[in-house]
Structure formats: structure tokens, C-alpha cells
Amino acid sequence: MKLILLGGNSVHNKKWIEAVRDELKNLFDECVVHYYEHWKTKGEINWNIEIENLVKNIGDSNCIIFAKSAGIGVALQAIYQKKIKPKKCIFVGIPLEWAEIYGNNLSPYFINYKVPTMFIQQTNDPYTSFNDLKLFLKKNKVENCNLKEFSGNDHNYNDFVEIRKLVKEFLLT
């Protein structure tokens, strides 16, 4: 199985997503990091370009998506537009408030969302708290999901060993 990894919006997420890849690589046949175009240009994320590039990264293979923060928005849009059909998704630090501020409300992408998904969210993540995510998922009738709470009050998610443990368990379900 192929794992596609999408980091957050800021270029400092490049090292983070590469560290996640290194932690998870022996659980998958192949791990591919999605490098954003705006990381090179230092501009703003272009959702359409990133969706096109994501589709190219996936190709016609079966895959699982691992996405953090803005990467979740890219993955959700591609799924909603039926451009990709991942077997499962792992979403870390969903940024509901950030997405809304930047004109990318994520609610519409959860209409009829059926992909088995594990959400990993810190208790007091500044972009969306664990409790706010739980309410959001209930309000949007998101089923077939597994919600895991990390203690913390930032948006860093640096416990790679725990992430690996959760991913490994999720793969078995």
C-alpha cells in the first residue's frame, strides 16, 4: 500500500512531514511526500495546483492519505471532487478556524464523506480544539471515523512514536 503524506501550509512543515515519513515508512510499500509549490515560491497555497499535483502523486494506485493542517484541505477537496479515492485517511490537526479565515470552509467537503478516517487532534490545538472537532464531526454527520485526542495546546504534533502507534492500529481496522 502507498502512503501519501501532506504537511501543513508553512514551509517549516517540510521537515515535520519528512520526519513522519521516516517514522512510518516501514509500515507501507511506498511513502511519498507531497511537496507544495508555494514552499518553493514562498507565496500562498494554490488549492487547484496542489490538488492536480496530489492526483499525479497518487496515480492509479491504492493509497492512504496522511495529512496535517492545510494538507487536510487539499485532500478533502480532491476527494470531494472525486479526483482521488483513498482507502483510508489520517488527518492530524485539522484547522477548521484557519481554513474558514482563509476562505476554505471545510464543512462542504464532508457532505457524503465515506472514507474511513482517523482524526488526531490536540486537546487545545489553537486552530481547532479536540472538543470543537468532535462537535464539528457530529454536526456534519461524519461517520466511519476514529477520533484520537492528544494532550497539548499547540499545533506541532511532535510525538512521532505515538502517531506511528495510532497509524499502525488504524491500518489493522
N, C-alpha and C. Protein backbone atom coordinates (compact mmCIF):
# COMPACT_ATOMS: atom_id res chain seq x y z
N MET A 1 0.85 -1.19 0.00
CA MET A 1 0.00 0.00 0.00
C MET A 1 0.89 1.24 0.00
N LYS A 2 0.45 2.26 -0.71
CA LYS A 2 1.19 3.51 -0.84
C LYS A 2 0.64 4.54 0.15
N LEU A 3 1.54 5.25 0.83
CA LEU A 3 1.15 6.33 1.74
C LEU A 3 1.55 7.65 1.10
N ILE A 4 0.59 8.56 0.99
CA ILE A 4 0.85 9.90 0.50
C ILE A 4 0.78 10.83 1.71
N LEU A 5 1.83 11.62 1.92
CA LEU A 5 1.93 12.49 3.09
C LEU A 5 1.86 13.95 2.68
N LEU A 6 0.94 14.68 3.28
CA LEU A 6 0.78 16.11 3.03
C LEU A 6 0.99 16.87 4.33
N GLY A 7 1.91 17.80 4.32
CA GLY A 7 2.18 18.60 5.51
C GLY A 7 1.26 19.80 5.61
N GLY A 8 1.58 20.66 6.54
CA GLY A 8 0.82 21.89 6.72
C GLY A 8 1.26 22.97 5.73
N ASN A 9 0.64 24.12 5.83
CA ASN A 9 0.82 25.21 4.89
C ASN A 9 2.24 25.78 4.88
N SER A 10 2.80 26.04 6.04
CA SER A 10 4.10 26.70 6.15
C SER A 10 5.24 25.78 5.73
N VAL A 11 6.27 26.36 5.13
CA VAL A 11 7.42 25.59 4.67
C VAL A 11 8.13 24.88 5.83
N HIS A 12 7.97 25.37 7.06
CA HIS A 12 8.62 24.66 8.18
C HIS A 12 8.01 23.28 8.40
N ASN A 13 6.85 23.02 7.80
CA ASN A 13 6.22 21.70 7.89
C ASN A 13 6.93 20.65 7.02
N LYS A 14 7.81 21.08 6.14
CA LYS A 14 8.53 20.15 5.27
C LYS A 14 9.34 19.16 6.11
N LYS A 15 10.11 19.66 7.07
CA LYS A 15 10.90 18.77 7.92
C LYS A 15 10.00 17.88 8.77
N TRP A 16 8.88 18.43 9.23
CA TRP A 16 7.95 17.66 10.06
C TRP A 16 7.38 16.48 9.26
N ILE A 17 6.90 16.74 8.05
CA ILE A 17 6.28 15.66 7.27
C ILE A 17 7.32 14.63 6.85
N GLU A 18 8.55 15.07 6.62
CA GLU A 18 9.62 14.11 6.32
C GLU A 18 9.94 13.23 7.53
N ALA A 19 9.88 13.81 8.72
CA ALA A 19 10.10 13.02 9.95
C ALA A 19 8.97 12.00 10.14
N VAL A 20 7.74 12.41 9.82
CA VAL A 20 6.61 11.46 9.89
C VAL A 20 6.83 10.34 8.89
N ARG A 21 7.21 10.70 7.66
CA ARG A 21 7.50 9.68 6.64
C ARG A 21 8.54 8.68 7.15
N ASP A 22 9.61 9.18 7.73
CA ASP A 22 10.67 8.31 8.23
C ASP A 22 10.18 7.39 9.34
N GLU A 23 9.27 7.88 10.15
CA GLU A 23 8.71 7.07 11.25
C GLU A 23 7.75 5.99 10.72
N LEU A 24 7.06 6.28 9.63
CA LEU A 24 6.02 5.36 9.13
C LEU A 24 6.46 4.49 7.96
N LYS A 25 7.62 4.75 7.39
CA LYS A 25 7.98 4.13 6.11
C LYS A 25 8.00 2.61 6.12
N ASN A 26 8.30 1.98 7.23
CA ASN A 26 8.32 0.51 7.21
C ASN A 26 6.93 -0.11 7.38
N LEU A 27 5.89 0.72 7.50
CA LEU A 27 4.52 0.20 7.56
C LEU A 27 3.87 0.14 6.17
N PHE A 28 4.55 0.71 5.15
CA PHE A 28 3.97 0.82 3.81
C PHE A 28 4.96 0.35 2.75
N ASP A 29 4.43 0.00 1.58
CA ASP A 29 5.28 -0.38 0.46
C ASP A 29 6.04 0.83 -0.08
N GLU A 30 5.37 1.98 -0.03
CA GLU A 30 5.96 3.21 -0.57
C GLU A 30 5.39 4.40 0.20
N CYS A 31 6.23 5.38 0.47
CA CYS A 31 5.80 6.62 1.13
C CYS A 31 6.24 7.80 0.26
N VAL A 32 5.28 8.65 -0.09
CA VAL A 32 5.56 9.78 -0.96
C VAL A 32 5.13 11.06 -0.26
N VAL A 33 6.10 11.98 -0.08
CA VAL A 33 5.78 13.28 0.49
C VAL A 33 5.33 14.20 -0.63
N HIS A 34 4.21 14.86 -0.42
CA HIS A 34 3.70 15.85 -1.36
C HIS A 34 4.34 17.20 -1.01
N TYR A 35 5.20 17.69 -1.91
CA TYR A 35 5.87 18.98 -1.68
C TYR A 35 5.08 20.08 -2.38
N TYR A 36 4.63 21.06 -1.62
CA TYR A 36 3.80 22.13 -2.17
C TYR A 36 4.61 23.09 -3.04
N GLU A 37 3.97 23.55 -4.09
CA GLU A 37 4.60 24.53 -4.98
C GLU A 37 4.94 25.82 -4.22
N HIS A 38 4.05 26.27 -3.33
CA HIS A 38 4.29 27.54 -2.65
C HIS A 38 5.42 27.46 -1.62
N TRP A 39 5.87 26.27 -1.29
CA TRP A 39 7.05 26.15 -0.44
C TRP A 39 8.28 26.66 -1.20
N LYS A 40 8.28 26.49 -2.52
CA LYS A 40 9.41 26.96 -3.34
C LYS A 40 9.34 28.47 -3.57
N THR A 41 8.14 28.97 -3.82
CA THR A 41 7.96 30.38 -4.20
C THR A 41 7.73 31.29 -3.01
N LYS A 42 7.47 30.71 -1.85
CA LYS A 42 7.17 31.46 -0.62
C LYS A 42 5.89 32.30 -0.76
N GLY A 43 5.00 31.89 -1.66
CA GLY A 43 3.72 32.57 -1.84
C GLY A 43 2.63 31.88 -1.05
N GLU A 44 1.40 32.09 -1.47
CA GLU A 44 0.24 31.48 -0.84
C GLU A 44 -0.07 30.13 -1.50
N ILE A 45 -0.72 29.26 -0.77
CA ILE A 45 -1.11 27.97 -1.30
C ILE A 45 -2.14 28.17 -2.43
N ASN A 46 -1.94 27.45 -3.51
CA ASN A 46 -2.90 27.44 -4.62
C ASN A 46 -3.56 26.07 -4.59
N TRP A 47 -4.80 26.05 -4.10
CA TRP A 47 -5.51 24.79 -3.89
C TRP A 47 -5.60 23.96 -5.16
N ASN A 48 -5.92 24.59 -6.29
CA ASN A 48 -6.09 23.85 -7.54
C ASN A 48 -4.79 23.19 -8.00
N ILE A 49 -3.69 23.92 -7.92
CA ILE A 49 -2.39 23.34 -8.31
C ILE A 49 -2.04 22.17 -7.40
N GLU A 50 -2.28 22.34 -6.10
CA GLU A 50 -1.93 21.27 -5.16
C GLU A 50 -2.80 20.03 -5.36
N ILE A 51 -4.06 20.23 -5.70
CA ILE A 51 -4.93 19.08 -5.99
C ILE A 51 -4.43 18.36 -7.23
N GLU A 52 -4.08 19.10 -8.28
CA GLU A 52 -3.55 18.48 -9.50
C GLU A 52 -2.29 17.69 -9.20
N ASN A 53 -1.38 18.27 -8.43
CA ASN A 53 -0.14 17.60 -8.09
C ASN A 53 -0.38 16.37 -7.21
N LEU A 54 -1.35 16.45 -6.33
CA LEU A 54 -1.70 15.31 -5.49
C LEU A 54 -2.19 14.15 -6.36
N VAL A 55 -3.04 14.45 -7.32
CA VAL A 55 -3.55 13.42 -8.23
C VAL A 55 -2.38 12.76 -8.96
N LYS A 56 -1.40 13.54 -9.40
CA LYS A 56 -0.21 12.99 -10.07
C LYS A 56 0.59 12.09 -9.12
N ASN A 57 0.74 12.51 -7.85
CA ASN A 57 1.48 11.71 -6.87
C ASN A 57 0.83 10.36 -6.62
N ILE A 58 -0.49 10.35 -6.62
CA ILE A 58 -1.22 9.12 -6.31
C ILE A 58 -1.24 8.19 -7.50
N GLY A 59 -1.43 8.74 -8.68
CA GLY A 59 -1.55 7.90 -9.86
C GLY A 59 -2.76 7.01 -9.75
N ASP A 60 -2.64 5.79 -10.23
CA ASP A 60 -3.79 4.87 -10.18
C ASP A 60 -3.65 3.84 -9.07
N SER A 61 -2.75 4.08 -8.14
CA SER A 61 -2.50 3.09 -7.09
C SER A 61 -3.45 3.25 -5.91
N ASN A 62 -3.61 2.15 -5.19
CA ASN A 62 -4.32 2.22 -3.91
C ASN A 62 -3.45 3.01 -2.96
N CYS A 63 -4.08 3.88 -2.18
CA CYS A 63 -3.25 4.67 -1.27
C CYS A 63 -4.02 5.00 0.01
N ILE A 64 -3.23 5.43 0.97
CA ILE A 64 -3.75 6.00 2.20
C ILE A 64 -3.17 7.41 2.27
N ILE A 65 -4.00 8.35 2.68
CA ILE A 65 -3.57 9.74 2.81
C ILE A 65 -3.26 10.02 4.28
N PHE A 66 -2.11 10.64 4.54
CA PHE A 66 -1.75 11.16 5.85
C PHE A 66 -1.58 12.66 5.65
N ALA A 67 -2.42 13.46 6.28
CA ALA A 67 -2.37 14.91 6.06
C ALA A 67 -2.46 15.66 7.37
N LYS A 68 -1.70 16.74 7.43
CA LYS A 68 -1.74 17.65 8.58
C LYS A 68 -2.23 19.01 8.12
N SER A 69 -3.08 19.62 8.90
CA SER A 69 -3.47 21.01 8.76
C SER A 69 -3.96 21.33 7.35
N ALA A 70 -3.30 22.24 6.64
CA ALA A 70 -3.75 22.64 5.30
C ALA A 70 -3.77 21.45 4.34
N GLY A 71 -2.91 20.47 4.57
CA GLY A 71 -2.91 19.27 3.73
C GLY A 71 -4.23 18.53 3.78
N ILE A 72 -4.93 18.66 4.90
CA ILE A 72 -6.25 18.05 5.03
C ILE A 72 -7.20 18.72 4.04
N GLY A 73 -7.11 20.05 3.93
CA GLY A 73 -7.96 20.77 2.98
C GLY A 73 -7.71 20.34 1.55
N VAL A 74 -6.45 20.14 1.18
CA VAL A 74 -6.11 19.68 -0.16
C VAL A 74 -6.71 18.30 -0.40
N ALA A 75 -6.50 17.39 0.54
CA ALA A 75 -7.01 16.02 0.39
C ALA A 75 -8.54 16.00 0.33
N LEU A 76 -9.19 16.75 1.22
CA LEU A 76 -10.65 16.76 1.24
C LEU A 76 -11.23 17.27 -0.07
N GLN A 77 -10.64 18.33 -0.61
CA GLN A 77 -11.15 18.86 -1.88
C GLN A 77 -10.98 17.84 -3.00
N ALA A 78 -9.84 17.17 -3.06
CA ALA A 78 -9.61 16.18 -4.10
C ALA A 78 -10.57 15.00 -3.97
N ILE A 79 -10.86 14.59 -2.74
CA ILE A 79 -11.83 13.51 -2.51
C ILE A 79 -13.22 13.97 -2.92
N TYR A 80 -13.60 15.15 -2.48
CA TYR A 80 -14.93 15.71 -2.79
C TYR A 80 -15.14 15.83 -4.30
N GLN A 81 -14.10 16.23 -5.02
CA GLN A 81 -14.17 16.38 -6.47
C GLN A 81 -14.03 15.04 -7.20
N LYS A 82 -13.91 13.97 -6.42
CA LYS A 82 -13.77 12.61 -6.95
C LYS A 82 -12.53 12.43 -7.83
N LYS A 83 -11.50 13.17 -7.51
CA LYS A 83 -10.23 13.06 -8.25
C LYS A 83 -9.33 12.00 -7.64
N ILE A 84 -9.55 11.70 -6.36
CA ILE A 84 -8.81 10.62 -5.69
C ILE A 84 -9.80 9.81 -4.87
N LYS A 85 -9.44 8.55 -4.64
CA LYS A 85 -10.27 7.65 -3.84
C LYS A 85 -9.39 6.86 -2.88
N PRO A 86 -8.91 7.53 -1.84
CA PRO A 86 -8.04 6.80 -0.90
C PRO A 86 -8.81 5.72 -0.14
N LYS A 87 -8.07 4.70 0.25
CA LYS A 87 -8.67 3.62 1.04
C LYS A 87 -8.98 4.09 2.46
N LYS A 88 -8.07 4.92 3.00
CA LYS A 88 -8.23 5.48 4.34
C LYS A 88 -7.53 6.83 4.38
N CYS A 89 -7.90 7.63 5.39
CA CYS A 89 -7.21 8.90 5.62
C CYS A 89 -6.86 9.02 7.10
N ILE A 90 -5.74 9.68 7.33
CA ILE A 90 -5.31 10.02 8.69
C ILE A 90 -5.11 11.53 8.69
N PHE A 91 -5.94 12.22 9.46
CA PHE A 91 -5.90 13.68 9.49
C PHE A 91 -5.41 14.14 10.86
N VAL A 92 -4.34 14.91 10.86
CA VAL A 92 -3.69 15.37 12.09
C VAL A 92 -3.81 16.89 12.18
N GLY A 93 -4.42 17.38 13.24
CA GLY A 93 -4.51 18.82 13.47
C GLY A 93 -5.36 19.54 12.44
N ILE A 94 -6.60 19.10 12.31
CA ILE A 94 -7.48 19.77 11.34
C ILE A 94 -7.66 21.23 11.74
N PRO A 95 -7.48 22.17 10.81
CA PRO A 95 -7.50 23.60 11.15
C PRO A 95 -8.82 24.27 10.76
N LEU A 96 -9.91 23.91 11.38
CA LEU A 96 -11.22 24.42 10.97
C LEU A 96 -11.26 25.95 10.98
N GLU A 97 -10.75 26.56 12.03
CA GLU A 97 -10.80 28.03 12.13
C GLU A 97 -9.88 28.69 11.10
N TRP A 98 -8.67 28.18 10.94
CA TRP A 98 -7.73 28.73 9.96
C TRP A 98 -8.31 28.62 8.56
N ALA A 99 -8.88 27.48 8.23
CA ALA A 99 -9.44 27.26 6.90
C ALA A 99 -10.56 28.25 6.60
N GLU A 100 -11.40 28.47 7.59
CA GLU A 100 -12.50 29.41 7.40
C GLU A 100 -11.99 30.83 7.20
N ILE A 101 -10.99 31.24 7.96
CA ILE A 101 -10.41 32.58 7.83
C ILE A 101 -9.83 32.78 6.43
N TYR A 102 -9.22 31.72 5.88
CA TYR A 102 -8.59 31.83 4.56
C TYR A 102 -9.52 31.39 3.42
N GLY A 103 -10.83 31.43 3.68
CA GLY A 103 -11.81 31.20 2.63
C GLY A 103 -11.92 29.77 2.15
N ASN A 104 -11.64 28.83 3.02
CA ASN A 104 -11.73 27.42 2.63
C ASN A 104 -12.47 26.63 3.70
N ASN A 105 -13.72 27.00 3.92
CA ASN A 105 -14.56 26.30 4.89
C ASN A 105 -14.59 24.82 4.53
N LEU A 106 -14.27 23.96 5.48
CA LEU A 106 -14.16 22.53 5.21
C LEU A 106 -15.49 21.78 5.29
N SER A 107 -16.51 22.39 5.87
CA SER A 107 -17.80 21.71 6.04
C SER A 107 -18.34 21.09 4.75
N PRO A 108 -18.36 21.81 3.63
CA PRO A 108 -18.94 21.22 2.41
C PRO A 108 -18.25 19.94 1.96
N TYR A 109 -16.98 19.79 2.27
CA TYR A 109 -16.24 18.61 1.81
C TYR A 109 -16.60 17.35 2.60
N PHE A 110 -17.33 17.54 3.68
CA PHE A 110 -17.74 16.38 4.48
C PHE A 110 -19.15 15.90 4.13
N ILE A 111 -19.78 16.55 3.15
CA ILE A 111 -21.10 16.07 2.69
C ILE A 111 -20.89 14.71 2.02
N ASN A 112 -21.57 13.71 2.51
CA ASN A 112 -21.47 12.34 1.99
C ASN A 112 -20.05 11.76 2.07
N TYR A 113 -19.26 12.22 3.01
CA TYR A 113 -17.90 11.74 3.19
C TYR A 113 -17.95 10.33 3.76
N LYS A 114 -17.31 9.38 3.08
CA LYS A 114 -17.40 7.97 3.49
C LYS A 114 -16.05 7.31 3.74
N VAL A 115 -14.95 8.00 3.51
CA VAL A 115 -13.63 7.40 3.65
C VAL A 115 -13.34 7.11 5.13
N PRO A 116 -12.97 5.88 5.46
CA PRO A 116 -12.58 5.60 6.85
C PRO A 116 -11.42 6.53 7.24
N THR A 117 -11.62 7.29 8.30
CA THR A 117 -10.65 8.33 8.65
C THR A 117 -10.38 8.34 10.15
N MET A 118 -9.09 8.48 10.47
CA MET A 118 -8.70 8.71 11.86
C MET A 118 -8.30 10.18 11.98
N PHE A 119 -8.89 10.85 12.95
CA PHE A 119 -8.55 12.24 13.27
C PHE A 119 -7.71 12.23 14.54
N ILE A 120 -6.56 12.88 14.48
CA ILE A 120 -5.70 13.06 15.65
C ILE A 120 -5.70 14.56 15.95
N GLN A 121 -6.16 14.92 17.14
CA GLN A 121 -6.31 16.35 17.46
C GLN A 121 -5.86 16.60 18.89
N GLN A 122 -5.09 17.66 19.08
CA GLN A 122 -4.68 18.01 20.43
C GLN A 122 -5.84 18.65 21.19
N THR A 123 -5.85 18.45 22.50
CA THR A 123 -6.92 18.95 23.35
C THR A 123 -7.20 20.42 23.10
N ASN A 124 -6.16 21.23 23.07
CA ASN A 124 -6.34 22.67 22.90
C ASN A 124 -5.56 23.21 21.71
N ASP A 125 -5.61 22.49 20.59
CA ASP A 125 -4.98 22.99 19.37
C ASP A 125 -5.58 24.37 19.08
N PRO A 126 -4.75 25.41 18.84
CA PRO A 126 -5.28 26.76 18.65
C PRO A 126 -6.13 26.93 17.39
N TYR A 127 -6.01 26.00 16.43
CA TYR A 127 -6.80 26.11 15.21
C TYR A 127 -8.13 25.36 15.29
N THR A 128 -8.18 24.36 16.15
CA THR A 128 -9.42 23.63 16.45
C THR A 128 -9.15 22.75 17.66
N SER A 129 -9.91 22.95 18.70
CA SER A 129 -9.74 22.10 19.88
C SER A 129 -10.34 20.72 19.61
N PHE A 130 -9.95 19.76 20.41
CA PHE A 130 -10.49 18.41 20.29
C PHE A 130 -12.01 18.44 20.43
N ASN A 131 -12.53 19.16 21.43
CA ASN A 131 -13.99 19.21 21.63
C ASN A 131 -14.71 19.88 20.46
N ASP A 132 -14.11 20.94 19.91
CA ASP A 132 -14.73 21.59 18.74
C ASP A 132 -14.75 20.66 17.54
N LEU A 133 -13.69 19.86 17.37
CA LEU A 133 -13.68 18.89 16.28
C LEU A 133 -14.76 17.84 16.48
N LYS A 134 -14.90 17.37 17.70
CA LYS A 134 -15.92 16.37 17.99
C LYS A 134 -17.32 16.91 17.65
N LEU A 135 -17.58 18.16 18.04
CA LEU A 135 -18.87 18.79 17.71
C LEU A 135 -19.03 18.97 16.20
N PHE A 136 -17.97 19.40 15.52
CA PHE A 136 -18.00 19.58 14.07
C PHE A 136 -18.36 18.27 13.35
N LEU A 137 -17.70 17.19 13.75
CA LEU A 137 -17.95 15.90 13.11
C LEU A 137 -19.39 15.44 13.34
N LYS A 138 -19.88 15.66 14.54
CA LYS A 138 -21.27 15.29 14.84
C LYS A 138 -22.25 16.14 14.02
N LYS A 139 -22.02 17.44 14.01
CA LYS A 139 -22.89 18.37 13.27
C LYS A 139 -22.92 18.04 11.78
N ASN A 140 -21.77 17.66 11.23
CA ASN A 140 -21.67 17.35 9.81
C ASN A 140 -21.93 15.87 9.49
N LYS A 141 -22.35 15.13 10.51
CA LYS A 141 -22.73 13.72 10.36
C LYS A 141 -21.63 12.89 9.70
N VAL A 142 -20.40 13.13 10.13
CA VAL A 142 -19.27 12.38 9.62
C VAL A 142 -19.23 11.04 10.34
N GLU A 143 -19.40 9.99 9.57
CA GLU A 143 -19.40 8.64 10.12
C GLU A 143 -18.12 7.94 9.69
N ASN A 144 -17.95 6.74 10.16
CA ASN A 144 -16.80 5.94 9.76
C ASN A 144 -15.48 6.62 10.11
N CYS A 145 -15.47 7.28 11.29
CA CYS A 145 -14.24 7.94 11.71
C CYS A 145 -13.85 7.53 13.12
N ASN A 146 -12.60 7.71 13.39
CA ASN A 146 -12.00 7.36 14.66
C ASN A 146 -11.31 8.63 15.16
N LEU A 147 -11.66 9.08 16.34
CA LEU A 147 -11.16 10.35 16.87
C LEU A 147 -10.21 10.07 18.04
N LYS A 148 -8.96 10.56 17.91
CA LYS A 148 -7.94 10.35 18.94
C LYS A 148 -7.50 11.70 19.49
N GLU A 149 -7.48 11.81 20.81
CA GLU A 149 -7.09 13.06 21.46
C GLU A 149 -5.65 12.97 21.95
N PHE A 150 -4.86 13.98 21.59
CA PHE A 150 -3.51 14.16 22.11
C PHE A 150 -3.57 15.29 23.12
N SER A 151 -2.85 15.16 24.22
CA SER A 151 -2.79 16.30 25.13
C SER A 151 -1.87 17.33 24.49
N GLY A 152 -2.19 18.59 24.68
CA GLY A 152 -1.35 19.65 24.13
C GLY A 152 -2.15 20.89 23.79
N ASN A 153 -1.44 21.98 23.62
CA ASN A 153 -2.10 23.25 23.32
C ASN A 153 -1.40 24.00 22.18
N ASP A 154 -0.76 23.23 21.30
CA ASP A 154 -0.13 23.86 20.14
C ASP A 154 -0.57 23.11 18.88
N HIS A 155 0.09 23.35 17.78
CA HIS A 155 -0.29 22.75 16.50
C HIS A 155 0.89 21.95 15.94
N ASN A 156 1.76 21.45 16.85
CA ASN A 156 3.01 20.84 16.40
C ASN A 156 2.94 19.32 16.18
N TYR A 157 2.33 18.57 17.06
CA TYR A 157 2.17 17.12 16.91
C TYR A 157 3.51 16.42 16.71
N ASN A 158 4.39 16.57 17.68
CA ASN A 158 5.74 16.04 17.54
C ASN A 158 5.97 14.66 18.18
N ASP A 159 4.93 14.04 18.71
CA ASP A 159 5.11 12.71 19.28
C ASP A 159 4.97 11.66 18.17
N PHE A 160 6.06 11.50 17.40
CA PHE A 160 6.03 10.62 16.23
C PHE A 160 5.85 9.15 16.60
N VAL A 161 6.34 8.76 17.75
CA VAL A 161 6.18 7.37 18.20
C VAL A 161 4.70 7.08 18.45
N GLU A 162 4.02 8.00 19.10
CA GLU A 162 2.58 7.81 19.36
C GLU A 162 1.79 7.85 18.05
N ILE A 163 2.16 8.75 17.16
CA ILE A 163 1.49 8.80 15.84
C ILE A 163 1.66 7.47 15.13
N ARG A 164 2.87 6.93 15.14
CA ARG A 164 3.13 5.63 14.50
C ARG A 164 2.25 4.53 15.11
N LYS A 165 2.17 4.53 16.43
CA LYS A 165 1.35 3.52 17.12
C LYS A 165 -0.11 3.62 16.68
N LEU A 166 -0.64 4.84 16.64
CA LEU A 166 -2.03 5.03 16.23
C LEU A 166 -2.26 4.64 14.77
N VAL A 167 -1.32 5.00 13.91
CA VAL A 167 -1.43 4.65 12.48
C VAL A 167 -1.41 3.13 12.32
N LYS A 168 -0.50 2.48 13.01
CA LYS A 168 -0.40 1.01 12.92
C LYS A 168 -1.71 0.35 13.35
N GLU A 169 -2.30 0.81 14.46
CA GLU A 169 -3.59 0.27 14.92
C GLU A 169 -4.69 0.53 13.89
N PHE A 170 -4.69 1.74 13.32
CA PHE A 170 -5.71 2.12 12.35
C PHE A 170 -5.62 1.26 11.07
N LEU A 171 -4.43 0.90 10.69
CA LEU A 171 -4.25 0.08 9.49
C LEU A 171 -4.86 -1.31 9.67
N LEU A 172 -4.93 -1.76 10.90
CA LEU A 172 -5.47 -3.09 11.18
C LEU A 172 -6.99 -3.14 11.24
N THR A 173 -7.62 -1.96 11.27
CA THR A 173 -9.09 -1.94 11.34
C THR A 173 -9.73 -1.94 9.97
